[in-house]
C-alpha atoms as a PDB file:
ATOM      1  CA  MET A   1       0.000   0.000   0.000  1.00  0.00           C
ATOM      2  CA  THR A   2       1.392   3.405  -1.031  1.00  0.00           C
ATOM      3  CA  ARG A   3       2.122   5.768   1.841  1.00  0.00           C
ATOM      4  CA  THR A   4       0.464   9.173   1.496  1.00  0.00           C
ATOM      5  CA  ARG A   5       2.931  12.064   1.803  1.00  0.00           C
ATOM      6  CA  ILE A   6       1.416  15.536   1.550  1.00  0.00           C
ATOM      7  CA  ASP A   7       3.267  18.818   0.939  1.00  0.00           C
ATOM      8  CA  LEU A   8       0.908  21.805   0.902  1.00  0.00           C
ATOM      9  CA  HIS A   9       3.219  24.741   0.106  1.00  0.00           C
ATOM     10  CA  THR A  10       5.490  24.932  -2.962  1.00  0.00           C
ATOM     11  CA  HIS A  11       6.427  27.530  -5.567  1.00  0.00           C
ATOM     12  CA  SER A  12       7.285  27.427  -9.257  1.00  0.00           C
ATOM     13  CA  ALA A  13       8.839  29.847 -11.733  1.00  0.00           C
ATOM     14  CA  VAL A  14       5.334  31.250 -12.285  1.00  0.00           C
ATOM     15  CA  SER A  15       6.042  33.266  -9.132  1.00  0.00           C
ATOM     16  CA  ASP A  16       9.331  33.247  -7.215  1.00  0.00           C
ATOM     17  CA  GLY A  17      10.470  29.626  -7.511  1.00  0.00           C
ATOM     18  CA  THR A  18      13.138  28.585  -9.998  1.00  0.00           C
ATOM     19  CA  ASP A  19      11.557  25.443 -11.504  1.00  0.00           C
ATOM     20  CA  ALA A  20       8.773  25.118 -14.064  1.00  0.00           C
ATOM     21  CA  PRO A  21       5.472  23.790 -12.645  1.00  0.00           C
ATOM     22  CA  ALA A  22       5.984  20.433 -14.396  1.00  0.00           C
ATOM     23  CA  ASP A  23       9.443  20.149 -12.851  1.00  0.00           C
ATOM     24  CA  VAL A  24       8.026  20.903  -9.392  1.00  0.00           C
ATOM     25  CA  VAL A  25       5.782  17.863  -9.833  1.00  0.00           C
ATOM     26  CA  GLY A  26       8.782  15.804 -10.926  1.00  0.00           C
ATOM     27  CA  HIS A  27      10.816  16.834  -7.892  1.00  0.00           C
ATOM     28  CA  ALA A  28       7.878  16.025  -5.624  1.00  0.00           C
ATOM     29  CA  ARG A  29       7.552  12.553  -7.095  1.00  0.00           C
ATOM     30  CA  ALA A  30      11.294  11.965  -6.666  1.00  0.00           C
ATOM     31  CA  ALA A  31      10.980  13.021  -3.013  1.00  0.00           C
ATOM     32  CA  GLY A  32       8.208  10.502  -2.375  1.00  0.00           C
ATOM     33  CA  VAL A  33       5.464  13.140  -2.145  1.00  0.00           C
ATOM     34  CA  ASN A  34       2.217  12.079  -3.836  1.00  0.00           C
ATOM     35  CA  VAL A  35      -0.151  14.872  -2.773  1.00  0.00           C
ATOM     36  CA  LEU A  36       1.189  18.303  -3.679  1.00  0.00           C
ATOM     37  CA  ALA A  37      -0.204  21.816  -3.479  1.00  0.00           C
ATOM     38  CA  LEU A  38       1.284  24.319  -5.915  1.00  0.00           C
ATOM     39  CA  THR A  39       0.940  27.653  -4.123  1.00  0.00           C
ATOM     40  CA  ASP A  40       2.528  30.373  -6.216  1.00  0.00           C
ATOM     41  CA  HIS A  41       2.179  33.908  -4.937  1.00  0.00           C
ATOM     42  CA  ASP A  42      -1.185  35.444  -5.827  1.00  0.00           C
ATOM     43  CA  THR A  43      -1.690  33.330  -8.944  1.00  0.00           C
ATOM     44  CA  VAL A  44      -2.877  29.930 -10.155  1.00  0.00           C
ATOM     45  CA  ALA A  45      -1.206  30.329 -13.551  1.00  0.00           C
ATOM     46  CA  GLY A  46       1.034  27.299 -13.015  1.00  0.00           C
ATOM     47  CA  ILE A  47      -1.736  24.827 -12.221  1.00  0.00           C
ATOM     48  CA  PRO A  48      -2.568  23.754 -15.822  1.00  0.00           C
ATOM     49  CA  GLU A  49       1.063  22.871 -16.620  1.00  0.00           C
ATOM     50  CA  ALA A  50       1.475  21.029 -13.319  1.00  0.00           C
ATOM     51  CA  ALA A  51      -1.753  19.094 -13.927  1.00  0.00           C
ATOM     52  CA  LYS A  52      -0.537  17.915 -17.343  1.00  0.00           C
ATOM     53  CA  ALA A  53       2.650  16.561 -15.745  1.00  0.00           C
ATOM     54  CA  LEU A  54       0.979  14.411 -13.072  1.00  0.00           C
ATOM     55  CA  PRO A  55       2.191  10.802 -12.908  1.00  0.00           C
ATOM     56  CA  PRO A  56      -0.302   7.999 -12.175  1.00  0.00           C
ATOM     57  CA  GLY A  57      -1.560   8.005  -8.596  1.00  0.00           C
ATOM     58  CA  PHE A  58      -0.401  11.590  -7.937  1.00  0.00           C
ATOM     59  CA  THR A  59      -2.792  14.281  -6.644  1.00  0.00           C
ATOM     60  CA  LEU A  60      -2.385  18.013  -7.265  1.00  0.00           C
ATOM     61  CA  ILE A  61      -4.127  20.478  -4.949  1.00  0.00           C
ATOM     62  CA  PRO A  62      -4.767  23.771  -6.769  1.00  0.00           C
ATOM     63  CA  GLY A  63      -3.681  26.610  -4.513  1.00  0.00           C
ATOM     64  CA  MET A  64      -1.783  29.852  -4.068  1.00  0.00           C
ATOM     65  CA  GLU A  65      -0.066  31.895  -1.376  1.00  0.00           C
ATOM     66  CA  LEU A  66      -2.127  35.025  -0.895  1.00  0.00           C
ATOM     67  CA  SER A  67      -0.412  38.297   0.060  1.00  0.00           C
ATOM     68  CA  CYS A  68      -1.847  39.912   3.177  1.00  0.00           C
ATOM     69  CA  ALA A  69      -0.702  42.667   5.513  1.00  0.00           C
ATOM     70  CA  HIS A  70      -1.444  43.649   9.094  1.00  0.00           C
ATOM     71  CA  GLN A  71      -0.343  47.050  10.388  1.00  0.00           C
ATOM     72  CA  GLY A  72       2.266  47.240   7.652  1.00  0.00           C
ATOM     73  CA  ALA A  73       3.692  43.765   8.293  1.00  0.00           C
ATOM     74  CA  SER A  74       3.472  40.766   6.004  1.00  0.00           C
ATOM     75  CA  VAL A  75       1.054  37.898   6.638  1.00  0.00           C
ATOM     76  CA  HIS A  76       0.800  35.005   4.166  1.00  0.00           C
ATOM     77  CA  LEU A  77      -2.205  32.781   3.631  1.00  0.00           C
ATOM     78  CA  ALA A  78      -1.947  29.415   1.860  1.00  0.00           C
ATOM     79  CA  ALA A  79      -5.287  29.022   0.047  1.00  0.00           C
ATOM     80  CA  TYR A  80      -6.596  25.851  -1.573  1.00  0.00           C
ATOM     81  CA  LEU A  81      -9.454  24.529  -3.707  1.00  0.00           C
ATOM     82  CA  PHE A  82     -11.121  27.887  -4.349  1.00  0.00           C
ATOM     83  CA  ASP A  83     -12.887  29.132  -7.473  1.00  0.00           C
ATOM     84  CA  ALA A  84     -10.227  31.360  -9.049  1.00  0.00           C
ATOM     85  CA  ASP A  85     -12.896  33.143 -11.088  1.00  0.00           C
ATOM     86  CA  ALA A  86     -14.981  34.195  -8.091  1.00  0.00           C
ATOM     87  CA  PRO A  87     -15.417  37.953  -8.675  1.00  0.00           C
ATOM     88  CA  GLU A  88     -14.122  39.362  -5.379  1.00  0.00           C
ATOM     89  CA  LEU A  89     -11.083  37.101  -5.176  1.00  0.00           C
ATOM     90  CA  ALA A  90     -10.212  37.410  -8.881  1.00  0.00           C
ATOM     91  CA  GLY A  91     -10.409  41.194  -8.676  1.00  0.00           C
ATOM     92  CA  GLU A  92      -8.146  41.339  -5.648  1.00  0.00           C
ATOM     93  CA  LEU A  93      -5.600  39.022  -7.262  1.00  0.00           C
ATOM     94  CA  ARG A  94      -5.362  41.205 -10.346  1.00  0.00           C
ATOM     95  CA  ARG A  95      -4.922  44.303  -8.187  1.00  0.00           C
ATOM     96  CA  ILE A  96      -2.196  42.573  -6.151  1.00  0.00           C
ATOM     97  CA  ARG A  97      -0.338  41.403  -9.264  1.00  0.00           C
ATOM     98  CA  ASP A  98      -0.516  44.817 -10.929  1.00  0.00           C
ATOM     99  CA  ASP A  99       0.784  46.483  -7.773  1.00  0.00           C
ATOM    100  CA  ARG A 100       3.641  43.955  -7.639  1.00  0.00           C
ATOM    101  CA  VAL A 101       4.823  45.253 -11.015  1.00  0.00           C
ATOM    102  CA  MET A 102       4.643  48.902  -9.947  1.00  0.00           C
ATOM    103  CA  ARG A 103       6.500  48.045  -6.750  1.00  0.00           C
ATOM    104  CA  ALA A 104       9.197  46.115  -8.588  1.00  0.00           C
ATOM    105  CA  ARG A 105       9.714  48.972 -11.067  1.00  0.00           C
ATOM    106  CA  GLU A 106      10.167  51.411  -8.197  1.00  0.00           C
ATOM    107  CA  MET A 107      12.664  49.087  -6.504  1.00  0.00           C
ATOM    108  CA  VAL A 108      14.667  48.867  -9.718  1.00  0.00           C
ATOM    109  CA  ARG A 109      14.652  52.679  -9.955  1.00  0.00           C
ATOM    110  CA  LEU A 110      15.938  53.013  -6.385  1.00  0.00           C
ATOM    111  CA  LEU A 111      18.651  50.430  -6.993  1.00  0.00           C
ATOM    112  CA  GLY A 112      19.750  52.363 -10.070  1.00  0.00           C
ATOM    113  CA  GLU A 113      19.940  55.579  -8.043  1.00  0.00           C
ATOM    114  CA  ALA A 114      22.174  53.687  -5.600  1.00  0.00           C
ATOM    115  CA  GLY A 115      24.538  52.811  -8.437  1.00  0.00           C
ATOM    116  CA  LEU A 116      23.556  49.183  -9.087  1.00  0.00           C
ATOM    117  CA  ALA A 117      23.296  48.071 -12.712  1.00  0.00           C
ATOM    118  CA  VAL A 118      19.930  46.367 -12.229  1.00  0.00           C
ATOM    119  CA  THR A 119      17.541  46.895 -15.130  1.00  0.00           C
ATOM    120  CA  TRP A 120      13.824  46.285 -15.511  1.00  0.00           C
ATOM    121  CA  ASP A 121      14.478  44.284 -18.670  1.00  0.00           C
ATOM    122  CA  ARG A 122      16.744  41.887 -16.790  1.00  0.00           C
ATOM    123  CA  VAL A 123      14.267  41.489 -13.910  1.00  0.00           C
ATOM    124  CA  CYS A 124      11.584  40.641 -16.478  1.00  0.00           C
ATOM    125  CA  GLU A 125      13.877  38.073 -18.124  1.00  0.00           C
ATOM    126  CA  ILE A 126      14.427  36.396 -14.751  1.00  0.00           C
ATOM    127  CA  ALA A 127      10.752  36.553 -13.773  1.00  0.00           C
ATOM    128  CA  PHE A 128       9.052  35.854 -17.087  1.00  0.00           C
ATOM    129  CA  GLY A 129      11.609  33.935 -19.123  1.00  0.00           C
ATOM    130  CA  GLY A 130      10.987  34.409 -22.815  1.00  0.00           C
ATOM    131  CA  ALA A 131       7.564  35.993 -22.309  1.00  0.00           C
ATOM    132  CA  GLY A 132       7.196  39.725 -22.545  1.00  0.00           C
ATOM    133  CA  ASP A 133       6.189  41.815 -19.539  1.00  0.00           C
ATOM    134  CA  ALA A 134       2.601  42.492 -20.654  1.00  0.00           C
ATOM    135  CA  GLY A 135       1.958  38.961 -21.914  1.00  0.00           C
ATOM    136  CA  ALA A 136       3.300  37.320 -18.786  1.00  0.00           C
ATOM    137  CA  ARG A 137       1.259  39.622 -16.555  1.00  0.00           C
ATOM    138  CA  GLU A 138      -1.884  38.855 -18.544  1.00  0.00           C
ATOM    139  CA  ALA A 139      -1.214  35.138 -18.099  1.00  0.00           C
ATOM    140  CA  GLY A 140      -0.927  35.604 -14.345  1.00  0.00           C
ATOM    141  CA  VAL A 141       2.844  35.210 -14.009  1.00  0.00           C
ATOM    142  CA  VAL A 142       4.085  37.147 -10.969  1.00  0.00           C
ATOM    143  CA  VAL A 143       7.172  39.291 -10.444  1.00  0.00           C
ATOM    144  CA  GLY A 144       8.548  39.253  -6.900  1.00  0.00           C
ATOM    145  CA  ARG A 145      11.468  40.388  -4.817  1.00  0.00           C
ATOM    146  CA  PRO A 146      13.451  37.157  -5.317  1.00  0.00           C
ATOM    147  CA  HIS A 147      13.629  38.000  -9.032  1.00  0.00           C
ATOM    148  CA  ILE A 148      15.043  41.429  -8.172  1.00  0.00           C
ATOM    149  CA  ALA A 149      17.403  39.829  -5.652  1.00  0.00           C
ATOM    150  CA  ARG A 150      18.799  37.533  -8.325  1.00  0.00           C
ATOM    151  CA  ALA A 151      19.373  40.559 -10.567  1.00  0.00           C
ATOM    152  CA  ILE A 152      21.170  42.310  -7.703  1.00  0.00           C
ATOM    153  CA  VAL A 153      23.478  39.324  -7.263  1.00  0.00           C
ATOM    154  CA  GLU A 154      24.200  39.278 -11.007  1.00  0.00           C
ATOM    155  CA  ALA A 155      25.052  42.988 -10.851  1.00  0.00           C
ATOM    156  CA  GLY A 156      27.535  42.384  -8.032  1.00  0.00           C
ATOM    157  CA  GLY A 157      25.452  44.138  -5.397  1.00  0.00           C
ATOM    158  CA  ALA A 158      25.172  41.137  -3.058  1.00  0.00           C
ATOM    159  CA  ALA A 159      26.779  37.784  -2.407  1.00  0.00           C
ATOM    160  CA  ASP A 160      23.544  35.807  -2.706  1.00  0.00           C
ATOM    161  CA  VAL A 161      19.773  36.225  -2.653  1.00  0.00           C
ATOM    162  CA  GLN A 162      19.531  36.445   1.140  1.00  0.00           C
ATOM    163  CA  ASP A 163      22.295  39.054   1.202  1.00  0.00           C
ATOM    164  CA  ALA A 164      20.373  41.051  -1.421  1.00  0.00           C
ATOM    165  CA  PHE A 165      17.325  41.036   0.844  1.00  0.00           C
ATOM    166  CA  ASP A 166      19.361  41.923   3.917  1.00  0.00           C
ATOM    167  CA  ARG A 167      21.317  44.680   2.215  1.00  0.00           C
ATOM    168  CA  TRP A 168      18.818  46.180  -0.234  1.00  0.00           C
ATOM    169  CA  ILE A 169      15.202  45.015  -0.529  1.00  0.00           C
ATOM    170  CA  GLY A 170      14.178  43.546   2.815  1.00  0.00           C
ATOM    171  CA  SER A 171      11.823  45.514   5.045  1.00  0.00           C
ATOM    172  CA  GLY A 172      13.577  48.777   5.960  1.00  0.00           C
ATOM    173  CA  GLY A 173      16.231  48.374   3.260  1.00  0.00           C
ATOM    174  CA  PRO A 174      17.243  51.309   1.023  1.00  0.00           C
ATOM    175  CA  ALA A 175      15.377  49.910  -1.988  1.00  0.00           C
ATOM    176  CA  TYR A 176      12.407  48.427  -0.122  1.00  0.00           C
ATOM    177  CA  VAL A 177       8.956  49.511  -1.317  1.00  0.00           C
ATOM    178  CA  ALA A 178       5.694  48.558   0.360  1.00  0.00           C
ATOM    179  CA  ARG A 179       2.874  47.116  -1.766  1.00  0.00           C
ATOM    180  CA  TYR A 180      -0.848  46.520  -1.744  1.00  0.00           C
ATOM    181  CA  ALA A 181      -2.002  43.479   0.193  1.00  0.00           C
ATOM    182  CA  LEU A 182      -5.267  42.273   1.668  1.00  0.00           C
ATOM    183  CA  ASP A 183      -6.223  42.488   5.310  1.00  0.00           C
ATOM    184  CA  PRO A 184      -5.806  38.903   6.597  1.00  0.00           C
ATOM    185  CA  VAL A 185      -9.347  38.586   7.945  1.00  0.00           C
ATOM    186  CA  ARG A 186     -10.821  39.904   4.717  1.00  0.00           C
ATOM    187  CA  ALA A 187      -8.556  37.534   2.767  1.00  0.00           C
ATOM    188  CA  VAL A 188      -9.887  34.540   4.697  1.00  0.00           C
ATOM    189  CA  GLU A 189     -13.435  35.704   4.011  1.00  0.00           C
ATOM    190  CA  ALA A 190     -12.703  36.119   0.278  1.00  0.00           C
ATOM    191  CA  VAL A 191     -11.206  32.627   0.014  1.00  0.00           C
ATOM    192  CA  ARG A 192     -14.124  31.081   1.869  1.00  0.00           C
ATOM    193  CA  ALA A 193     -16.604  33.010  -0.305  1.00  0.00           C
ATOM    194  CA  ALA A 194     -14.852  31.463  -3.320  1.00  0.00           C
ATOM    195  CA  GLY A 195     -15.416  27.995  -1.861  1.00  0.00           C
ATOM    196  CA  GLY A 196     -11.807  27.584  -0.725  1.00  0.00           C
ATOM    197  CA  VAL A 197     -10.017  26.785   2.502  1.00  0.00           C
ATOM    198  CA  CYS A 198      -6.834  28.239   3.907  1.00  0.00           C
ATOM    199  CA  SER A 199      -3.940  27.801   6.301  1.00  0.00           C
ATOM    200  CA  LEU A 200      -1.883  30.539   7.941  1.00  0.00           C
ATOM    201  CA  ALA A 201       1.584  30.182   6.381  1.00  0.00           C
ATOM    202  CA  HIS A 202       4.790  30.173   8.473  1.00  0.00           C
ATOM    203  CA  PRO A 203       3.255  32.171  11.352  1.00  0.00           C
ATOM    204  CA  ALA A 204       6.537  32.437  13.286  1.00  0.00           C
ATOM    205  CA  ARG A 205       8.214  34.129  10.303  1.00  0.00           C
ATOM    206  CA  SER A 206       6.279  37.218   9.252  1.00  0.00           C
ATOM    207  CA  GLU A 207       8.368  40.024   7.808  1.00  0.00           C
ATOM    208  CA  GLY A 208       7.873  43.342   9.534  1.00  0.00           C
ATOM    209  CA  MET A 209       6.300  41.999  12.742  1.00  0.00           C
ATOM    210  CA  LEU A 210       8.028  43.317  15.842  1.00  0.00           C
ATOM    211  CA  THR A 211       8.191  39.837  17.361  1.00  0.00           C
ATOM    212  CA  GLY A 212       8.664  38.097  14.020  1.00  0.00           C
ATOM    213  CA  ALA A 213       5.393  36.224  14.531  1.00  0.00           C
ATOM    214  CA  VAL A 214       1.768  36.811  13.595  1.00  0.00           C
ATOM    215  CA  PRO A 215      -0.148  38.202  16.613  1.00  0.00           C
ATOM    216  CA  GLU A 216      -2.337  35.537  18.146  1.00  0.00           C
ATOM    217  CA  ASP A 217      -5.309  37.861  18.528  1.00  0.00           C
ATOM    218  CA  LEU A 218      -5.206  38.314  14.750  1.00  0.00           C
ATOM    219  CA  VAL A 219      -5.133  34.532  14.287  1.00  0.00           C
ATOM    220  CA  GLU A 220      -8.191  34.272  16.526  1.00  0.00           C
ATOM    221  CA  ARG A 221     -10.051  36.767  14.329  1.00  0.00           C
ATOM    222  CA  MET A 222      -8.959  34.882  11.208  1.00  0.00           C
ATOM    223  CA  ALA A 223     -10.251  31.660  12.770  1.00  0.00           C
ATOM    224  CA  ARG A 224     -13.648  33.261  13.404  1.00  0.00           C
ATOM    225  CA  ALA A 225     -13.694  34.324   9.737  1.00  0.00           C
ATOM    226  CA  GLY A 226     -13.112  30.748   8.558  1.00  0.00           C
ATOM    227  CA  LEU A 227      -9.359  30.033   8.727  1.00  0.00           C
ATOM    228  CA  GLY A 228      -8.963  26.264   8.559  1.00  0.00           C
ATOM    229  CA  ALA A 229      -5.404  25.538   9.659  1.00  0.00           C
ATOM    230  CA  VAL A 230      -2.045  26.796  10.861  1.00  0.00           C
ATOM    231  CA  GLU A 231       1.173  25.836   9.065  1.00  0.00           C
ATOM    232  CA  ALA A 232       3.061  25.011  12.253  1.00  0.00           C
ATOM    233  CA  ASP A 233       5.569  22.623  10.692  1.00  0.00           C
ATOM    234  CA  HIS A 234       7.801  24.678   8.387  1.00  0.00           C
ATOM    235  CA  PRO A 235      11.540  24.346   7.656  1.00  0.00           C
ATOM    236  CA  ASN A 236      12.220  27.836   9.037  1.00  0.00           C
ATOM    237  CA  HIS A 237      10.453  27.190  12.338  1.00  0.00           C
ATOM    238  CA  GLU A 238      12.459  26.054  15.324  1.00  0.00           C
ATOM    239  CA  GLU A 239      10.936  23.017  17.030  1.00  0.00           C
ATOM    240  CA  ALA A 240       9.797  25.115  19.994  1.00  0.00           C
ATOM    241  CA  GLU A 241       8.055  27.500  17.586  1.00  0.00           C
ATOM    242  CA  ALA A 242       6.419  24.638  15.734  1.00  0.00           C
ATOM    243  CA  GLU A 243       5.144  23.151  18.987  1.00  0.00           C
ATOM    244  CA  HIS A 244       3.813  26.543  20.088  1.00  0.00           C
ATOM    245  CA  TRP A 245       1.848  26.987  16.859  1.00  0.00           C
ATOM    246  CA  ARG A 246       0.539  23.435  17.028  1.00  0.00           C
ATOM    247  CA  GLY A 247      -0.861  24.428  20.408  1.00  0.00           C
ATOM    248  CA  VAL A 248      -2.391  27.613  18.994  1.00  0.00           C
ATOM    249  CA  ALA A 249      -4.088  25.550  16.296  1.00  0.00           C
ATOM    250  CA  ARG A 250      -5.415  23.054  18.826  1.00  0.00           C
ATOM    251  CA  ASP A 251      -6.734  25.817  21.081  1.00  0.00           C
ATOM    252  CA  LEU A 252      -8.607  27.402  18.160  1.00  0.00           C
ATOM    253  CA  GLY A 253      -9.931  24.112  16.808  1.00  0.00           C
ATOM    254  CA  LEU A 254      -7.863  24.361  13.617  1.00  0.00           C
ATOM    255  CA  ALA A 255      -5.989  21.745  11.627  1.00  0.00           C
ATOM    256  CA  VAL A 256      -2.173  21.655  11.629  1.00  0.00           C
ATOM    257  CA  THR A 257      -0.336  21.651   8.321  1.00  0.00           C
ATOM    258  CA  GLY A 258       3.289  20.939   7.477  1.00  0.00           C
ATOM    259  CA  SER A 259       4.933  22.075   4.263  1.00  0.00           C
ATOM    260  CA  SER A 260       8.313  22.589   2.626  1.00  0.00           C
ATOM    261  CA  ASP A 261       7.697  26.092   1.198  1.00  0.00           C
ATOM    262  CA  ASP A 262      10.033  24.982  -1.581  1.00  0.00           C
ATOM    263  CA  HIS A 263      11.319  27.589  -4.050  1.00  0.00           C
ATOM    264  CA  GLY A 264      13.463  25.253  -6.135  1.00  0.00           C
ATOM    265  CA  GLU A 265      17.148  26.117  -6.298  1.00  0.00           C
ATOM    266  CA  LEU A 266      16.672  29.044  -3.905  1.00  0.00           C
ATOM    267  CA  THR A 267      15.745  26.690  -1.033  1.00  0.00           C
ATOM    268  CA  GLY A 268      17.708  23.621  -2.058  1.00  0.00           C
ATOM    269  CA  ARG A 269      14.759  21.761  -3.615  1.00  0.00           C
ATOM    270  CA  ARG A 270      13.413  20.625  -0.279  1.00  0.00           C
ATOM    271  CA  ILE A 271       9.964  19.307  -1.259  1.00  0.00           C
ATOM    272  CA  GLY A 272       8.850  16.843   1.401  1.00  0.00           C
ATOM    273  CA  ALA A 273      11.078  18.376   4.089  1.00  0.00           C
ATOM    274  CA  ARG A 274       7.883  18.924   6.102  1.00  0.00           C
ATOM    275  CA  THR A 275       4.554  17.207   5.434  1.00  0.00           C
ATOM    276  CA  THR A 276       0.919  17.267   6.535  1.00  0.00           C
ATOM    277  CA  ALA A 277      -0.701  14.272   8.216  1.00  0.00           C
ATOM    278  CA  PRO A 278      -3.517  12.781   6.076  1.00  0.00           C
ATOM    279  CA  GLU A 279      -6.104  13.260   8.813  1.00  0.00           C
ATOM    280  CA  GLU A 280      -5.168  16.955   9.138  1.00  0.00           C
ATOM    281  CA  PHE A 281      -5.375  17.334   5.365  1.00  0.00           C
ATOM    282  CA  GLU A 282      -8.863  15.816   5.312  1.00  0.00           C
ATOM    283  CA  ARG A 283      -9.963  18.038   8.159  1.00  0.00           C
ATOM    284  CA  LEU A 284      -8.712  21.167   6.353  1.00  0.00           C
ATOM    285  CA  THR A 285     -10.079  20.395   2.903  1.00  0.00           C
ATOM    286  CA  ALA A 286     -13.455  18.844   3.806  1.00  0.00           C
ATOM    287  CA  PRO A 287     -15.362  22.174   3.580  1.00  0.00           C
ATOM    288  CA  ALA A 288     -13.893  23.123   0.162  1.00  0.00           C
ATOM    289  CA  THR A 289     -16.407  23.521  -2.678  1.00  0.00           C
ATOM    290  CA  GLY A 290     -14.677  25.890  -5.113  1.00  0.00           C
ATOM    291  CA  ALA A 291     -12.410  23.409  -6.900  1.00  0.00           C
ATOM    292  CA  ALA A 292     -11.450  19.742  -6.696  1.00  0.00           C
ATOM    293  CA  PRO A 293      -8.115  17.985  -6.286  1.00  0.00           C
ATOM    294  CA  ILE A 294      -6.660  16.843  -9.603  1.00  0.00           C
ATOM    295  CA  THR A 295      -5.630  13.184  -9.727  1.00  0.00           C
ATOM    296  CA  ARG A 296      -4.262  11.061 -12.529  1.00  0.00           C
ATOM    297  CA  GLY A 297      -5.422   7.491 -12.112  1.00  0.00           C
END
């Protein structure tokens, strides 16, 4: 009998991962994962390619990582099995993606003023591959800070991607620019209205939070709005942090998810590094009505 291994948080080159959606599926299969959520930032554009690449017996969970903000700090929501064409959610996603482009252009301008030879054309090449800026945006491909970070490294402005964030484009950095993002409670409501379910992503690692973690009173309000789970088990969480967030989930009656948050080469292709127990997966996804898992028999 095949063991079920579930990874509910991965990224492809459609957003800020380095691997094509089909290759993400291939890496998951090689890692022994057979239920995979592709959760690119604010887009489902990679789902069709990933679905075409499914091997027999493999299940793809359509999803995305939704950009949210609370008092100027970042909060991420892993959303699954929603109707991507639901009017409110689709409208917000387009607004978020358009603002990402304006933000990235402004970051490139600031880097140029600082003397770095980072160009918008090169950022687009990294983010969109052979596709043009307008065409890739229309298709739902997302430009993000990791693309800019890679351009910074190429230009000699940092030793690696993390150094580029630390030195230039992380929160408070000289080329950092804030962007539009949904209020987390409203985001949960929008996902639920679209028939989806969601998990609070890496709650101990939220950029811009004074403590580094999502405030628990905010999590309580998200739970009342329909949040289904907390991603307690994440590669960047210390064990004590993971145990704390498992307890938060239990206290609020939420499921506990575990995920790799893989970004391909940027994170060492770690799909399967953390997984979700099948019973927690069933508990999270049972209320979903917006979309169905995709399985190749």
